N, C-alpha and C. Protein backbone atom coordinates (compact mmCIF):
# COMPACT_ATOMS: atom_id res chain seq x y z
N MET A 1 123.76 90.83 126.33
CA MET A 1 124.99 90.07 125.15
C MET A 1 125.56 91.32 124.26
N PRO A 2 124.85 92.14 123.84
CA PRO A 2 125.95 93.50 123.07
C PRO A 2 127.00 93.95 124.10
N GLY A 3 126.80 94.17 125.34
CA GLY A 3 128.26 94.37 126.32
C GLY A 3 129.55 93.28 126.21
N ASN A 4 128.88 91.96 126.22
CA ASN A 4 130.05 91.07 126.12
C ASN A 4 130.80 91.19 124.78
N ARG A 5 130.15 91.45 123.72
CA ARG A 5 130.77 91.66 122.53
C ARG A 5 131.35 92.63 122.13
N ASN A 6 131.08 93.97 122.75
CA ASN A 6 132.36 95.05 122.44
C ASN A 6 133.49 94.86 123.62
N ILE A 7 132.90 94.16 124.86
CA ILE A 7 134.50 93.65 125.28
C ILE A 7 135.38 92.86 124.63
N LEU A 8 134.49 91.91 124.27
CA LEU A 8 135.69 91.30 123.12
C LEU A 8 135.98 91.53 122.11
N TYR A 9 135.61 93.14 121.43
CA TYR A 9 136.15 93.67 120.44
C TYR A 9 137.40 94.40 121.32
N LEU A 10 137.10 95.13 122.15
CA LEU A 10 137.74 95.61 122.86
C LEU A 10 139.53 94.88 122.99
N ILE A 11 139.20 93.83 124.10
CA ILE A 11 140.78 92.78 124.35
C ILE A 11 141.18 92.28 122.59
N ILE A 12 140.62 92.49 121.81
CA ILE A 12 140.88 91.52 120.56
C ILE A 12 141.89 93.14 120.41
N GLY A 13 141.18 94.36 119.98
CA GLY A 13 142.00 95.35 119.46
C GLY A 13 143.06 95.73 120.25
N MET A 14 143.40 95.42 121.51
CA MET A 14 144.39 95.21 122.50
C MET A 14 145.25 94.71 122.06
N LEU A 15 144.59 93.26 121.74
CA LEU A 15 146.01 92.75 121.15
C LEU A 15 146.50 92.78 120.06
N VAL A 16 145.84 93.11 119.04
CA VAL A 16 146.39 93.56 117.79
C VAL A 16 147.61 94.83 117.87
N VAL A 17 147.34 95.82 119.11
CA VAL A 17 147.95 97.02 118.66
C VAL A 17 149.34 96.59 120.01
N ALA A 18 148.98 95.76 120.79
CA ALA A 18 150.28 95.27 121.73
C ALA A 18 151.39 94.63 120.50
N VAL A 19 150.74 93.17 119.97
CA VAL A 19 151.47 92.84 118.88
C VAL A 19 152.25 93.41 118.04
N GLY A 20 151.39 94.70 117.09
CA GLY A 20 152.02 95.92 116.86
C GLY A 20 153.21 96.51 116.99
N VAL A 21 152.92 96.76 118.48
CA VAL A 21 153.91 97.60 119.01
C VAL A 21 155.56 97.16 119.38
N LEU A 22 154.90 95.41 119.89
CA LEU A 22 156.08 94.26 119.90
C LEU A 22 156.95 94.23 118.82
N GLY A 23 156.39 94.33 117.43
CA GLY A 23 156.64 93.89 116.36
C GLY A 23 157.91 94.88 116.08
N TYR A 24 157.13 95.89 116.01
CA TYR A 24 158.03 97.40 116.04
C TYR A 24 159.31 97.74 116.80
N ASN A 25 159.07 97.24 118.24
CA ASN A 25 160.12 97.43 118.93
C ASN A 25 161.49 96.31 118.86
N LEU A 26 161.09 95.07 118.37
CA LEU A 26 161.65 94.07 117.73
C LEU A 26 162.62 94.24 116.37
N TYR A 27 161.97 95.25 115.55
CA TYR A 27 162.35 95.80 114.10
C TYR A 27 163.64 96.46 114.49
N GLN A 28 162.95 97.47 115.41
CA GLN A 28 164.30 98.85 116.06
C GLN A 28 164.98 98.09 116.51
N ALA A 29 165.23 96.96 117.23
CA ALA A 29 166.29 96.27 117.97
C ALA A 29 167.30 95.88 117.30
N LYS A 30 166.72 94.85 116.14
CA LYS A 30 167.73 94.33 114.78
C LYS A 30 167.96 95.21 113.74
N LYS A 31 167.53 96.60 113.64
CA LYS A 31 168.30 97.17 112.45
C LYS A 31 169.60 97.42 113.20
N GLN A 32 170.48 97.59 111.57
CA GLN A 32 171.82 97.93 112.13
C GLN A 32 171.95 99.41 112.28
N PRO A 33 172.55 99.32 113.24
CA PRO A 33 173.01 101.36 113.78
C PRO A 33 173.62 101.90 112.41
N GLU A 34 173.12 102.94 112.36
CA GLU A 34 173.61 104.02 110.92
C GLU A 34 174.91 104.91 111.64
N GLY A 35 176.06 105.05 111.19
CA GLY A 35 176.74 106.01 111.33
C GLY A 35 178.35 105.52 111.11
N LEU A 36 178.84 105.74 112.24
CA LEU A 36 180.07 104.73 112.44
C LEU A 36 180.73 103.64 113.86
N GLN A 37 181.12 102.65 113.16
CA GLN A 37 180.75 101.25 114.13
C GLN A 37 182.30 101.24 114.50
N ILE A 38 182.42 101.05 115.88
CA ILE A 38 184.23 101.07 116.14
C ILE A 38 184.15 99.60 117.04
N ASN A 39 184.85 98.34 116.68
CA ASN A 39 184.66 97.16 117.33
C ASN A 39 185.75 97.04 118.01
N VAL A 40 185.99 96.56 119.22
CA VAL A 40 187.34 96.23 119.58
C VAL A 40 187.11 94.59 119.72
N GLY A 41 188.07 93.71 119.35
CA GLY A 41 187.92 92.32 119.04
C GLY A 41 189.81 91.46 119.56
N PRO A 42 189.67 90.78 118.98
CA PRO A 42 190.74 89.76 119.45
C PRO A 42 191.82 90.51 118.16
N GLY A 43 191.32 90.66 117.00
CA GLY A 43 192.17 90.88 116.24
C GLY A 43 192.74 92.41 116.12
N GLY A 44 191.85 93.38 116.83
CA GLY A 44 192.49 94.72 117.22
C GLY A 44 191.41 95.13 117.05
N VAL A 45 191.38 97.00 116.93
CA VAL A 45 190.25 97.82 116.39
C VAL A 45 189.87 97.83 115.39
N THR A 46 188.61 97.91 114.69
CA THR A 46 188.17 97.65 113.29
C THR A 46 187.09 99.06 113.43
N ILE A 47 187.34 100.21 112.46
CA ILE A 47 186.41 101.55 112.57
C ILE A 47 185.83 101.19 111.12
N GLN A 48 184.17 101.18 110.94
CA GLN A 48 183.80 101.01 109.77
C GLN A 48 182.32 102.33 109.48
N ASN A 49 182.61 102.70 108.49
CA ASN A 49 181.57 103.90 108.12
C ASN A 49 180.44 103.29 107.45
N LYS A 50 179.00 103.35 108.09
CA LYS A 50 178.16 102.49 107.80
C LYS A 50 177.25 103.66 106.58
């Protein structure tokens, strides 16, 4: 029985780490870029300094 409990803790730990990594990657993807931003659209070219 103790072996099964250790495997369960290992699986739960791996899931917690996986959720943390995915959350961090999502945060990095949604974060606004820093620096100079150039947009080309129907209104023409706009340049913004962030």
